[in-house]
N, C-alpha and C. Protein backbone atom coordinates (compact mmCIF):
# COMPACT_ATOMS: atom_id res chain seq x y z
N MET A 1 0.84 -1.20 0.00
CA MET A 1 0.00 0.00 0.00
C MET A 1 0.87 1.24 0.00
N ALA A 2 0.33 2.30 -0.56
CA ALA A 2 1.08 3.55 -0.60
C ALA A 2 1.21 4.13 0.79
N THR A 3 2.30 4.83 1.02
CA THR A 3 2.50 5.52 2.29
C THR A 3 1.87 6.90 2.19
N VAL A 4 0.93 7.17 3.07
CA VAL A 4 0.24 8.45 3.07
C VAL A 4 0.61 9.19 4.35
N ARG A 5 1.19 10.35 4.21
CA ARG A 5 1.58 11.13 5.36
C ARG A 5 0.49 12.14 5.73
N PHE A 6 0.46 12.50 6.99
CA PHE A 6 -0.52 13.49 7.46
C PHE A 6 -0.02 14.90 7.13
N SER A 7 -0.34 15.34 5.94
CA SER A 7 0.00 16.71 5.55
C SER A 7 -0.99 17.67 6.22
N GLY A 8 -0.68 18.94 6.13
CA GLY A 8 -1.60 19.94 6.67
C GLY A 8 -2.94 19.90 5.96
N GLU A 9 -2.90 19.66 4.65
CA GLU A 9 -4.14 19.60 3.87
C GLU A 9 -5.00 18.41 4.28
N LEU A 10 -4.36 17.24 4.41
CA LEU A 10 -5.11 16.04 4.80
C LEU A 10 -5.69 16.20 6.20
N THR A 11 -4.88 16.72 7.11
CA THR A 11 -5.37 16.92 8.47
C THR A 11 -6.56 17.87 8.48
N GLY A 12 -6.49 18.92 7.67
CA GLY A 12 -7.59 19.87 7.58
C GLY A 12 -8.87 19.22 7.10
N HIS A 13 -8.75 18.35 6.09
CA HIS A 13 -9.94 17.64 5.57
C HIS A 13 -10.53 16.74 6.64
N ILE A 14 -9.69 16.03 7.34
CA ILE A 14 -10.16 15.11 8.38
C ILE A 14 -10.89 15.87 9.49
N ILE A 15 -10.30 16.97 9.93
CA ILE A 15 -10.91 17.76 11.00
C ILE A 15 -12.25 18.34 10.55
N GLN A 16 -12.32 18.79 9.29
CA GLN A 16 -13.59 19.32 8.78
C GLN A 16 -14.65 18.23 8.73
N ASN A 17 -14.27 17.03 8.30
CA ASN A 17 -15.22 15.92 8.27
C ASN A 17 -15.66 15.53 9.67
N ALA A 18 -14.73 15.62 10.63
CA ALA A 18 -15.08 15.34 12.02
C ALA A 18 -16.09 16.36 12.53
N LYS A 19 -15.87 17.61 12.17
CA LYS A 19 -16.80 18.67 12.56
C LYS A 19 -18.17 18.47 11.93
N ASP A 20 -18.17 18.05 10.67
CA ASP A 20 -19.43 17.88 9.95
C ASP A 20 -20.28 16.74 10.48
N LEU A 21 -19.68 15.81 11.23
CA LEU A 21 -20.46 14.73 11.82
C LEU A 21 -21.55 15.26 12.74
N PHE A 22 -21.33 16.44 13.30
CA PHE A 22 -22.28 17.02 14.25
C PHE A 22 -23.16 18.09 13.61
N LYS A 23 -22.89 18.40 12.35
CA LYS A 23 -23.57 19.53 11.70
C LYS A 23 -25.08 19.39 11.71
N GLN A 24 -25.61 18.27 11.27
CA GLN A 24 -27.06 18.10 11.19
C GLN A 24 -27.70 18.09 12.56
N ARG A 25 -27.04 17.46 13.52
CA ARG A 25 -27.59 17.41 14.88
C ARG A 25 -27.66 18.81 15.49
N ILE A 26 -26.66 19.63 15.23
CA ILE A 26 -26.67 21.00 15.75
C ILE A 26 -27.76 21.81 15.06
N GLU A 27 -27.89 21.64 13.74
CA GLU A 27 -28.94 22.35 13.02
C GLU A 27 -30.33 21.95 13.51
N ASP A 28 -30.51 20.66 13.78
CA ASP A 28 -31.80 20.18 14.29
C ASP A 28 -32.09 20.76 15.66
N ALA A 29 -31.06 20.83 16.51
CA ALA A 29 -31.24 21.39 17.85
C ALA A 29 -31.61 22.87 17.78
N LYS A 30 -30.98 23.60 16.85
CA LYS A 30 -31.30 25.02 16.69
C LYS A 30 -32.72 25.22 16.17
N ALA A 31 -33.16 24.29 15.34
CA ALA A 31 -34.51 24.39 14.77
C ALA A 31 -35.59 24.00 15.78
N ASN A 32 -35.19 23.31 16.84
CA ASN A 32 -36.14 22.82 17.83
C ASN A 32 -36.43 23.88 18.89
N VAL A 33 -36.90 25.04 18.42
CA VAL A 33 -37.17 26.15 19.34
C VAL A 33 -38.41 25.82 20.17
N PRO A 34 -38.50 26.37 21.38
CA PRO A 34 -39.69 26.14 22.21
C PRO A 34 -40.97 26.46 21.44
N LYS A 35 -41.93 25.61 21.55
CA LYS A 35 -43.14 25.71 20.74
C LYS A 35 -43.90 27.01 21.00
N ASP A 36 -44.25 27.68 19.92
CA ASP A 36 -45.08 28.89 19.95
C ASP A 36 -44.50 30.00 20.83
N ILE A 37 -43.20 29.99 21.06
CA ILE A 37 -42.64 30.95 22.00
C ILE A 37 -42.83 32.38 21.53
N ALA A 38 -42.71 32.63 20.25
CA ALA A 38 -42.89 34.00 19.74
C ALA A 38 -44.31 34.49 20.00
N ASP A 39 -45.29 33.65 19.70
CA ASP A 39 -46.69 34.03 19.91
C ASP A 39 -46.97 34.28 21.39
N ARG A 40 -46.43 33.43 22.25
CA ARG A 40 -46.70 33.56 23.68
C ARG A 40 -46.06 34.81 24.27
N VAL A 41 -44.82 35.09 23.88
CA VAL A 41 -44.16 36.29 24.39
C VAL A 41 -44.86 37.53 23.87
N TYR A 42 -45.21 37.54 22.61
CA TYR A 42 -45.87 38.71 22.04
C TYR A 42 -47.21 38.95 22.72
N GLU A 43 -47.98 37.89 22.90
CA GLU A 43 -49.31 38.02 23.49
C GLU A 43 -49.21 38.54 24.93
N ARG A 44 -48.27 38.01 25.68
CA ARG A 44 -48.13 38.43 27.08
C ARG A 44 -47.64 39.88 27.17
N GLY A 45 -46.74 40.25 26.28
CA GLY A 45 -46.18 41.59 26.35
C GLY A 45 -46.99 42.66 25.65
N LEU A 46 -47.50 42.35 24.45
CA LEU A 46 -48.14 43.37 23.63
C LEU A 46 -49.58 43.07 23.26
N GLY A 47 -50.08 41.91 23.67
CA GLY A 47 -51.44 41.53 23.29
C GLY A 47 -52.50 42.53 23.70
N ARG A 48 -52.30 43.19 24.83
CA ARG A 48 -53.28 44.16 25.34
C ARG A 48 -53.47 45.35 24.40
N TYR A 49 -52.47 45.57 23.53
CA TYR A 49 -52.53 46.72 22.62
C TYR A 49 -52.99 46.35 21.22
N GLN A 50 -53.33 45.09 20.99
CA GLN A 50 -53.59 44.64 19.63
C GLN A 50 -54.74 45.39 18.96
N GLU A 51 -55.82 45.62 19.69
CA GLU A 51 -56.96 46.34 19.09
C GLU A 51 -56.57 47.75 18.70
N ARG A 52 -55.76 48.40 19.53
CA ARG A 52 -55.31 49.76 19.22
C ARG A 52 -54.36 49.75 18.02
N PHE A 53 -53.52 48.74 17.97
CA PHE A 53 -52.62 48.61 16.80
C PHE A 53 -53.45 48.50 15.53
N ASN A 54 -54.48 47.66 15.59
CA ASN A 54 -55.30 47.41 14.40
C ASN A 54 -56.07 48.65 13.95
N ALA A 55 -56.31 49.57 14.90
CA ALA A 55 -57.11 50.76 14.57
C ALA A 55 -56.28 51.86 13.93
N LEU A 56 -54.98 51.72 13.93
CA LEU A 56 -54.11 52.76 13.38
C LEU A 56 -53.47 52.31 12.07
N PRO A 57 -53.12 53.26 11.20
CA PRO A 57 -52.43 52.90 9.95
C PRO A 57 -51.11 52.19 10.24
N SER A 58 -50.74 51.29 9.37
CA SER A 58 -49.55 50.48 9.58
C SER A 58 -48.26 51.29 9.60
N VAL A 59 -48.30 52.50 9.02
CA VAL A 59 -47.08 53.32 8.97
C VAL A 59 -46.63 53.76 10.36
N PHE A 60 -47.50 53.62 11.35
CA PHE A 60 -47.13 54.01 12.71
C PHE A 60 -46.29 52.94 13.41
N PHE A 61 -46.09 51.81 12.75
CA PHE A 61 -45.42 50.69 13.42
C PHE A 61 -44.29 50.12 12.58
N ARG A 62 -43.45 49.39 13.24
CA ARG A 62 -42.46 48.55 12.56
C ARG A 62 -43.05 47.16 12.46
N HIS A 63 -42.64 46.42 11.44
CA HIS A 63 -43.22 45.09 11.19
C HIS A 63 -42.11 44.04 11.21
N GLU A 64 -42.37 42.96 11.90
CA GLU A 64 -41.37 41.90 12.06
C GLU A 64 -41.93 40.55 11.63
N ASP A 65 -41.12 39.79 10.89
CA ASP A 65 -41.51 38.43 10.51
C ASP A 65 -41.19 37.42 11.60
N THR A 66 -40.15 37.72 12.35
CA THR A 66 -39.73 36.79 13.39
C THR A 66 -39.45 37.54 14.69
N MET A 67 -39.44 36.80 15.76
CA MET A 67 -39.03 37.36 17.05
C MET A 67 -37.63 36.85 17.36
N LYS A 68 -36.75 37.76 17.74
CA LYS A 68 -35.40 37.41 18.14
C LYS A 68 -35.25 37.75 19.62
N ILE A 69 -35.22 36.74 20.45
CA ILE A 69 -35.02 36.95 21.89
C ILE A 69 -33.53 36.87 22.17
N VAL A 70 -32.96 37.96 22.66
CA VAL A 70 -31.52 38.01 22.86
C VAL A 70 -31.11 38.10 24.32
N LYS A 71 -32.10 38.30 25.19
CA LYS A 71 -31.77 38.40 26.61
C LYS A 71 -33.04 38.20 27.44
N ILE A 72 -32.92 37.47 28.56
CA ILE A 72 -34.03 37.31 29.49
C ILE A 72 -33.48 37.63 30.87
N GLY A 73 -33.92 38.73 31.43
CA GLY A 73 -33.31 39.17 32.68
C GLY A 73 -31.84 39.49 32.43
N ASP A 74 -30.96 38.81 33.17
CA ASP A 74 -29.52 39.00 32.99
C ASP A 74 -28.90 37.92 32.11
N VAL A 75 -29.71 37.03 31.58
CA VAL A 75 -29.21 35.88 30.81
C VAL A 75 -29.23 36.20 29.32
N LYS A 76 -28.05 36.19 28.70
CA LYS A 76 -27.97 36.40 27.26
C LYS A 76 -28.30 35.11 26.53
N CYS A 77 -28.95 35.23 25.39
CA CYS A 77 -29.32 34.05 24.62
C CYS A 77 -29.55 34.48 23.18
N TYR A 78 -29.92 33.52 22.34
CA TYR A 78 -30.36 33.88 21.00
C TYR A 78 -31.36 32.83 20.52
N VAL A 79 -32.60 33.25 20.44
CA VAL A 79 -33.67 32.38 19.95
C VAL A 79 -34.43 33.16 18.89
N GLU A 80 -34.52 32.59 17.70
CA GLU A 80 -35.27 33.24 16.62
C GLU A 80 -36.36 32.30 16.14
N CYS A 81 -37.58 32.80 16.10
CA CYS A 81 -38.69 31.95 15.62
C CYS A 81 -39.76 32.82 14.97
N ARG A 82 -40.52 32.18 14.09
CA ARG A 82 -41.54 32.90 13.34
C ARG A 82 -42.87 32.92 14.10
N TYR A 83 -43.65 33.93 13.82
CA TYR A 83 -45.00 34.00 14.38
C TYR A 83 -45.92 33.09 13.58
N SER A 84 -46.85 32.47 14.24
CA SER A 84 -47.76 31.55 13.53
C SER A 84 -48.76 32.31 12.67
N GLY A 85 -49.03 33.56 13.03
CA GLY A 85 -50.04 34.33 12.30
C GLY A 85 -49.48 35.38 11.38
N GLY A 86 -48.28 35.22 10.91
CA GLY A 86 -47.70 36.20 10.00
C GLY A 86 -46.96 37.30 10.74
N ARG A 87 -46.75 38.41 10.08
CA ARG A 87 -45.96 39.51 10.63
C ARG A 87 -46.67 40.15 11.83
N LYS A 88 -45.85 40.65 12.73
CA LYS A 88 -46.37 41.35 13.91
C LYS A 88 -45.89 42.80 13.90
N VAL A 89 -46.67 43.65 14.55
CA VAL A 89 -46.32 45.07 14.61
C VAL A 89 -45.73 45.41 15.97
N TYR A 90 -44.81 46.36 15.95
CA TYR A 90 -44.18 46.86 17.17
C TYR A 90 -44.20 48.38 17.13
N PRO A 91 -44.28 49.00 18.28
CA PRO A 91 -44.20 50.47 18.30
C PRO A 91 -42.84 50.94 17.84
N ILE A 92 -42.81 52.08 17.19
CA ILE A 92 -41.54 52.68 16.80
C ILE A 92 -41.03 53.48 18.00
N GLY A 93 -39.87 53.10 18.48
CA GLY A 93 -39.34 53.75 19.67
C GLY A 93 -39.35 52.80 20.85
N GLU A 94 -39.45 53.34 22.05
CA GLU A 94 -39.39 52.53 23.27
C GLU A 94 -40.69 51.77 23.50
N MET A 95 -40.54 50.60 24.15
CA MET A 95 -41.70 49.82 24.55
C MET A 95 -42.32 50.41 25.83
N PRO A 96 -43.64 50.34 25.97
CA PRO A 96 -44.24 50.74 27.24
C PRO A 96 -43.71 49.84 28.37
N PRO A 97 -43.44 50.39 29.55
CA PRO A 97 -42.84 49.61 30.64
C PRO A 97 -43.63 48.36 31.02
N GLU A 98 -44.94 48.43 30.94
CA GLU A 98 -45.76 47.29 31.36
C GLU A 98 -45.63 46.07 30.45
N THR A 99 -45.06 46.25 29.28
CA THR A 99 -44.87 45.10 28.38
C THR A 99 -43.77 44.18 28.88
N MET A 100 -42.89 44.69 29.74
CA MET A 100 -41.73 43.93 30.23
C MET A 100 -40.83 43.51 29.07
N LEU A 101 -40.82 44.34 28.04
CA LEU A 101 -39.99 44.11 26.86
C LEU A 101 -39.22 45.38 26.52
N LYS A 102 -38.06 45.21 25.89
CA LYS A 102 -37.36 46.35 25.34
C LYS A 102 -36.54 45.89 24.15
N PHE A 103 -36.29 46.81 23.24
CA PHE A 103 -35.47 46.49 22.08
C PHE A 103 -34.01 46.44 22.49
N GLU A 104 -33.30 45.49 21.92
CA GLU A 104 -31.88 45.30 22.25
C GLU A 104 -31.12 45.10 20.95
N GLY A 105 -30.02 45.83 20.75
CA GLY A 105 -29.23 45.66 19.54
C GLY A 105 -28.61 44.28 19.47
N TYR A 106 -28.50 43.74 18.25
CA TYR A 106 -27.88 42.43 18.07
C TYR A 106 -27.06 42.39 16.80
N SER A 107 -26.09 43.27 16.71
CA SER A 107 -25.14 43.34 15.60
C SER A 107 -25.82 43.20 14.25
N TYR A 108 -25.18 42.41 13.35
CA TYR A 108 -25.68 42.31 11.98
C TYR A 108 -26.99 41.55 11.87
N MET A 109 -27.37 40.84 12.93
CA MET A 109 -28.60 40.05 12.87
C MET A 109 -29.84 40.92 13.10
N GLY A 110 -29.62 42.20 13.33
CA GLY A 110 -30.75 43.07 13.52
C GLY A 110 -31.08 43.28 14.99
N GLN A 111 -32.20 43.96 15.22
CA GLN A 111 -32.59 44.29 16.58
C GLN A 111 -33.39 43.15 17.19
N GLY A 112 -33.06 42.83 18.43
CA GLY A 112 -33.76 41.76 19.12
C GLY A 112 -34.58 42.28 20.27
N LEU A 113 -35.13 41.35 21.03
CA LEU A 113 -35.94 41.69 22.20
C LEU A 113 -35.25 41.22 23.47
N ALA A 114 -35.23 42.08 24.46
CA ALA A 114 -34.80 41.70 25.79
C ALA A 114 -36.06 41.60 26.65
N LEU A 115 -36.18 40.50 27.38
CA LEU A 115 -37.33 40.29 28.25
C LEU A 115 -36.93 40.70 29.67
N ILE A 116 -37.61 41.70 30.20
CA ILE A 116 -37.30 42.23 31.53
C ILE A 116 -37.96 41.32 32.56
N ASN A 117 -37.14 40.55 33.27
CA ASN A 117 -37.70 39.47 34.10
C ASN A 117 -37.88 39.89 35.57
N THR A 118 -38.41 41.06 35.77
CA THR A 118 -38.68 41.52 37.14
C THR A 118 -39.73 40.65 37.80
N ASP A 119 -39.44 40.26 39.05
CA ASP A 119 -40.36 39.41 39.84
C ASP A 119 -40.71 38.11 39.12
N GLY A 120 -39.79 37.61 38.31
CA GLY A 120 -40.00 36.32 37.65
C GLY A 120 -41.07 36.35 36.57
N PHE A 121 -41.30 37.54 35.97
CA PHE A 121 -42.36 37.67 34.97
C PHE A 121 -42.17 36.71 33.80
N TRP A 122 -40.90 36.46 33.41
CA TRP A 122 -40.62 35.59 32.27
C TRP A 122 -39.93 34.29 32.70
N ASP A 123 -40.09 33.87 33.94
CA ASP A 123 -39.37 32.68 34.42
C ASP A 123 -39.67 31.43 33.60
N ASP A 124 -40.91 31.24 33.20
CA ASP A 124 -41.26 30.04 32.42
C ASP A 124 -40.57 30.07 31.05
N ILE A 125 -40.53 31.26 30.45
CA ILE A 125 -39.85 31.40 29.15
C ILE A 125 -38.36 31.19 29.34
N LEU A 126 -37.80 31.71 30.41
CA LEU A 126 -36.37 31.54 30.70
C LEU A 126 -36.02 30.06 30.82
N ALA A 127 -36.87 29.30 31.49
CA ALA A 127 -36.60 27.86 31.67
C ALA A 127 -36.58 27.15 30.31
N GLU A 128 -37.51 27.49 29.44
CA GLU A 128 -37.57 26.86 28.12
C GLU A 128 -36.37 27.24 27.26
N VAL A 129 -36.03 28.52 27.29
CA VAL A 129 -34.90 28.99 26.50
C VAL A 129 -33.59 28.42 27.02
N THR A 130 -33.47 28.30 28.34
CA THR A 130 -32.26 27.73 28.93
C THR A 130 -32.07 26.28 28.49
N ALA A 131 -33.15 25.51 28.51
CA ALA A 131 -33.08 24.11 28.07
C ALA A 131 -32.74 24.02 26.59
N TYR A 132 -33.33 24.90 25.80
CA TYR A 132 -33.06 24.95 24.36
C TYR A 132 -31.60 25.25 24.09
N GLN A 133 -31.08 26.29 24.77
CA GLN A 133 -29.69 26.68 24.57
C GLN A 133 -28.74 25.61 25.07
N GLN A 134 -29.09 24.95 26.17
CA GLN A 134 -28.23 23.92 26.74
C GLN A 134 -28.07 22.74 25.79
N ALA A 135 -29.15 22.39 25.11
CA ALA A 135 -29.08 21.29 24.15
C ALA A 135 -28.10 21.59 23.02
N ILE A 136 -28.11 22.84 22.57
CA ILE A 136 -27.18 23.26 21.52
C ILE A 136 -25.75 23.29 22.05
N ASP A 137 -25.58 23.85 23.25
CA ASP A 137 -24.25 23.94 23.85
C ASP A 137 -23.65 22.56 24.09
N ASN A 138 -24.48 21.60 24.50
CA ASN A 138 -24.00 20.23 24.74
C ASN A 138 -23.44 19.61 23.47
N LEU A 139 -24.12 19.85 22.35
CA LEU A 139 -23.65 19.31 21.07
C LEU A 139 -22.35 19.97 20.63
N HIS A 140 -22.25 21.28 20.84
CA HIS A 140 -21.00 21.97 20.52
C HIS A 140 -19.86 21.44 21.38
N SER A 141 -20.15 21.15 22.64
CA SER A 141 -19.13 20.62 23.53
C SER A 141 -18.69 19.23 23.08
N GLN A 142 -19.65 18.39 22.70
CA GLN A 142 -19.32 17.05 22.19
C GLN A 142 -18.49 17.15 20.91
N GLN A 143 -18.86 18.08 20.05
CA GLN A 143 -18.14 18.29 18.80
C GLN A 143 -16.69 18.68 19.07
N THR A 144 -16.50 19.62 19.98
CA THR A 144 -15.15 20.07 20.32
C THR A 144 -14.32 18.94 20.91
N SER A 145 -14.91 18.17 21.81
CA SER A 145 -14.19 17.05 22.43
C SER A 145 -13.81 16.00 21.40
N PHE A 146 -14.71 15.73 20.47
CA PHE A 146 -14.45 14.74 19.42
C PHE A 146 -13.30 15.20 18.53
N ILE A 147 -13.34 16.45 18.11
CA ILE A 147 -12.30 16.99 17.24
C ILE A 147 -10.95 16.97 17.95
N ASP A 148 -10.92 17.32 19.23
CA ASP A 148 -9.67 17.31 19.99
C ASP A 148 -9.08 15.89 20.04
N SER A 149 -9.94 14.89 20.19
CA SER A 149 -9.47 13.50 20.24
C SER A 149 -8.93 13.05 18.89
N VAL A 150 -9.60 13.45 17.82
CA VAL A 150 -9.13 13.12 16.47
C VAL A 150 -7.76 13.75 16.23
N LYS A 151 -7.58 14.97 16.67
CA LYS A 151 -6.30 15.65 16.51
C LYS A 151 -5.19 14.90 17.25
N LYS A 152 -5.52 14.35 18.41
CA LYS A 152 -4.51 13.61 19.18
C LYS A 152 -4.09 12.33 18.46
N VAL A 153 -5.05 11.66 17.83
CA VAL A 153 -4.74 10.46 17.06
C VAL A 153 -3.81 10.81 15.91
N ILE A 154 -4.11 11.89 15.21
CA ILE A 154 -3.29 12.31 14.09
C ILE A 154 -1.89 12.71 14.56
N ALA A 155 -1.83 13.46 15.65
CA ALA A 155 -0.55 13.96 16.15
C ALA A 155 0.37 12.83 16.60
N ALA A 156 -0.22 11.67 16.95
CA ALA A 156 0.58 10.55 17.44
C ALA A 156 1.21 9.74 16.31
N HIS A 157 0.89 10.07 15.06
CA HIS A 157 1.39 9.29 13.93
C HIS A 157 1.86 10.20 12.80
N ALA A 158 2.89 9.77 12.13
CA ALA A 158 3.40 10.51 10.98
C ALA A 158 2.66 10.13 9.71
N THR A 159 2.18 8.88 9.67
CA THR A 159 1.52 8.37 8.47
C THR A 159 0.17 7.77 8.81
N LEU A 160 -0.61 7.53 7.76
CA LEU A 160 -2.00 7.12 7.93
C LEU A 160 -2.17 5.67 8.39
N ALA A 161 -1.39 4.77 7.85
CA ALA A 161 -1.60 3.35 8.13
C ALA A 161 -1.59 3.00 9.62
N PRO A 162 -0.57 3.40 10.38
CA PRO A 162 -0.60 3.07 11.80
C PRO A 162 -1.72 3.76 12.56
N ALA A 163 -2.13 4.93 12.10
CA ALA A 163 -3.25 5.62 12.74
C ALA A 163 -4.54 4.83 12.54
N LEU A 164 -4.71 4.27 11.34
CA LEU A 164 -5.89 3.43 11.07
C LEU A 164 -5.85 2.15 11.89
N LYS A 165 -4.66 1.64 12.11
CA LYS A 165 -4.52 0.43 12.92
C LYS A 165 -4.94 0.71 14.36
N MET A 166 -4.58 1.90 14.86
CA MET A 166 -4.98 2.28 16.22
C MET A 166 -6.48 2.53 16.30
N TRP A 167 -7.02 3.25 15.28
CA TRP A 167 -8.43 3.65 15.30
C TRP A 167 -9.02 3.47 13.90
N PRO A 168 -9.54 2.28 13.60
CA PRO A 168 -10.07 2.00 12.25
C PRO A 168 -11.16 2.96 11.80
N ALA A 169 -11.94 3.50 12.73
CA ALA A 169 -13.04 4.41 12.34
C ALA A 169 -12.54 5.70 11.72
N LEU A 170 -11.26 5.98 11.84
CA LEU A 170 -10.68 7.16 11.18
C LEU A 170 -10.91 7.10 9.67
N TRP A 171 -11.04 5.90 9.15
CA TRP A 171 -11.28 5.70 7.71
C TRP A 171 -12.47 6.52 7.21
N ASP A 172 -13.51 6.64 8.03
CA ASP A 172 -14.72 7.34 7.63
C ASP A 172 -14.53 8.85 7.55
N LEU A 173 -13.44 9.36 8.07
CA LEU A 173 -13.19 10.80 8.05
C LEU A 173 -12.20 11.21 6.95
N ILE A 174 -11.70 10.21 6.22
CA ILE A 174 -10.67 10.47 5.22
C ILE A 174 -11.32 10.79 3.88
N PRO A 175 -10.83 11.78 3.15
CA PRO A 175 -11.37 12.09 1.81
C PRO A 175 -11.18 10.92 0.85
N GLU A 176 -12.07 10.81 -0.12
CA GLU A 176 -12.04 9.69 -1.05
C GLU A 176 -10.71 9.58 -1.79
N GLY A 177 -10.16 10.71 -2.21
CA GLY A 177 -8.90 10.67 -2.94
C GLY A 177 -7.79 10.05 -2.12
N THR A 178 -7.76 10.34 -0.84
CA THR A 178 -6.75 9.77 0.05
C THR A 178 -7.00 8.29 0.26
N LYS A 179 -8.26 7.89 0.35
CA LYS A 179 -8.58 6.47 0.49
C LYS A 179 -8.05 5.69 -0.71
N ASN A 180 -8.28 6.24 -1.89
CA ASN A 180 -7.80 5.56 -3.10
C ASN A 180 -6.29 5.45 -3.13
N LYS A 181 -5.64 6.52 -2.72
CA LYS A 181 -4.18 6.51 -2.69
C LYS A 181 -3.67 5.48 -1.69
N HIS A 182 -4.34 5.40 -0.55
CA HIS A 182 -3.94 4.45 0.49
C HIS A 182 -4.06 3.00 0.01
N LYS A 183 -5.05 2.75 -0.83
CA LYS A 183 -5.30 1.38 -1.30
C LYS A 183 -4.47 0.99 -2.52
N GLU A 184 -3.77 1.95 -3.06
CA GLU A 184 -2.96 1.65 -4.24
C GLU A 184 -1.92 0.57 -3.96
N ILE A 185 -1.65 -0.26 -4.95
CA ILE A 185 -0.52 -1.18 -4.90
C ILE A 185 0.63 -0.50 -5.62
N VAL A 186 1.66 -0.24 -4.86
CA VAL A 186 2.80 0.46 -5.44
C VAL A 186 3.69 -0.54 -6.14
N GLU A 187 3.82 -0.40 -7.43
CA GLU A 187 4.70 -1.27 -8.20
C GLU A 187 6.05 -0.57 -8.36
N ARG A 188 7.01 -1.17 -7.80
CA ARG A 188 8.35 -0.60 -7.90
C ARG A 188 9.05 -1.25 -9.09
N ASN A 189 9.05 -0.60 -10.22
CA ASN A 189 9.68 -1.12 -11.44
C ASN A 189 11.17 -0.84 -11.42
N LYS A 190 11.94 -1.90 -11.48
CA LYS A 190 13.39 -1.73 -11.51
C LYS A 190 13.81 -1.31 -12.91
N SER A 191 14.64 -0.33 -13.01
CA SER A 191 15.10 0.14 -14.31
C SER A 191 16.14 -0.81 -14.89
N THR A 192 16.05 -1.02 -16.15
CA THR A 192 16.99 -1.92 -16.84
C THR A 192 17.92 -1.09 -17.71
N PRO A 193 19.23 -1.12 -17.43
CA PRO A 193 20.17 -0.33 -18.23
C PRO A 193 20.33 -0.92 -19.63
N THR A 194 20.65 -0.11 -20.56
CA THR A 194 20.87 -0.56 -21.94
C THR A 194 22.31 -0.28 -22.34
N VAL A 195 22.87 -1.19 -23.21
CA VAL A 195 24.23 -1.01 -23.75
C VAL A 195 24.17 -1.19 -25.27
N ASP A 196 25.02 -0.52 -25.93
CA ASP A 196 25.01 -0.54 -27.39
C ASP A 196 25.84 -1.72 -27.93
N VAL A 197 25.35 -2.92 -27.67
CA VAL A 197 26.02 -4.13 -28.17
C VAL A 197 24.97 -5.12 -28.65
N ASP A 198 25.42 -6.11 -29.41
CA ASP A 198 24.54 -7.16 -29.91
C ASP A 198 24.56 -8.30 -28.91
N LEU A 199 23.61 -8.30 -27.99
CA LEU A 199 23.59 -9.32 -26.93
C LEU A 199 23.41 -10.71 -27.51
N GLY A 200 22.71 -10.80 -28.62
CA GLY A 200 22.53 -12.12 -29.25
C GLY A 200 23.85 -12.71 -29.70
N SER A 201 24.70 -11.84 -30.27
CA SER A 201 26.01 -12.31 -30.74
C SER A 201 26.88 -12.74 -29.57
N LEU A 202 26.77 -11.98 -28.44
CA LEU A 202 27.56 -12.35 -27.26
C LEU A 202 27.12 -13.70 -26.73
N THR A 203 25.82 -13.88 -26.70
CA THR A 203 25.29 -15.16 -26.20
C THR A 203 25.75 -16.30 -27.11
N ALA A 204 25.71 -16.06 -28.41
CA ALA A 204 26.14 -17.09 -29.37
C ALA A 204 27.60 -17.42 -29.17
N ALA A 205 28.41 -16.43 -28.86
CA ALA A 205 29.83 -16.66 -28.67
C ALA A 205 30.08 -17.51 -27.44
N VAL A 206 29.36 -17.23 -26.38
CA VAL A 206 29.52 -18.02 -25.14
C VAL A 206 29.09 -19.46 -25.39
N THR A 207 27.98 -19.59 -26.08
CA THR A 207 27.47 -20.94 -26.36
C THR A 207 28.46 -21.73 -27.21
N PHE A 208 29.01 -21.10 -28.23
CA PHE A 208 29.97 -21.76 -29.11
C PHE A 208 31.22 -22.20 -28.33
N SER A 209 31.63 -21.32 -27.38
CA SER A 209 32.82 -21.66 -26.58
C SER A 209 32.59 -22.90 -25.75
N LYS A 210 31.40 -23.02 -25.20
CA LYS A 210 31.09 -24.20 -24.39
C LYS A 210 31.10 -25.47 -25.24
N LEU A 211 30.62 -25.35 -26.48
CA LEU A 211 30.52 -26.53 -27.32
C LEU A 211 31.86 -27.00 -27.84
N THR A 212 32.84 -26.11 -27.95
CA THR A 212 34.11 -26.48 -28.55
C THR A 212 35.20 -26.75 -27.53
N ARG A 213 34.85 -26.70 -26.24
CA ARG A 213 35.89 -26.99 -25.23
C ARG A 213 36.22 -28.46 -25.23
């Protein structure tokens, strides 16, 4: 088999494949937002104003397709989910204090909502968001631990073959091109020198000498 060394490029491919093993699980965890959380937060905070909102022209409000919760009390988070009933309206400017909501900047992702959790007003939402975030964090932690272990296996070997002997499952993280190279049968062709003589005549001369001795 061909000798395959752990180059920087190969190591990079392996680490990326190791990272990708967790990609779908992390995406699924992020998509598993607490059920109807946007509708529930909106209704509790702004539902009392809905009739008044409906009575005024839409130009008096900002319109949002999703709710981005970025903070609950002192706990930072990030939960984004869509409203079940389409776009929602928000006042332009500050929120009324009784809503227990305020706008909070969130870099390039736009403006989010901070839930003011005075006297445990949002404790139930905080519990749901904490569990949601913890599930994502756990997967990221598992991903990091897995990648660190893969790096240790690679660092312990100069070439691929002994690493596979130690940990056969490494095979699943190797790019196809490297797998093919690893499986190659290396044919070492010995070079044959050439000389400018008539080898047939030399052979005939040796043969003739043997016959006439």
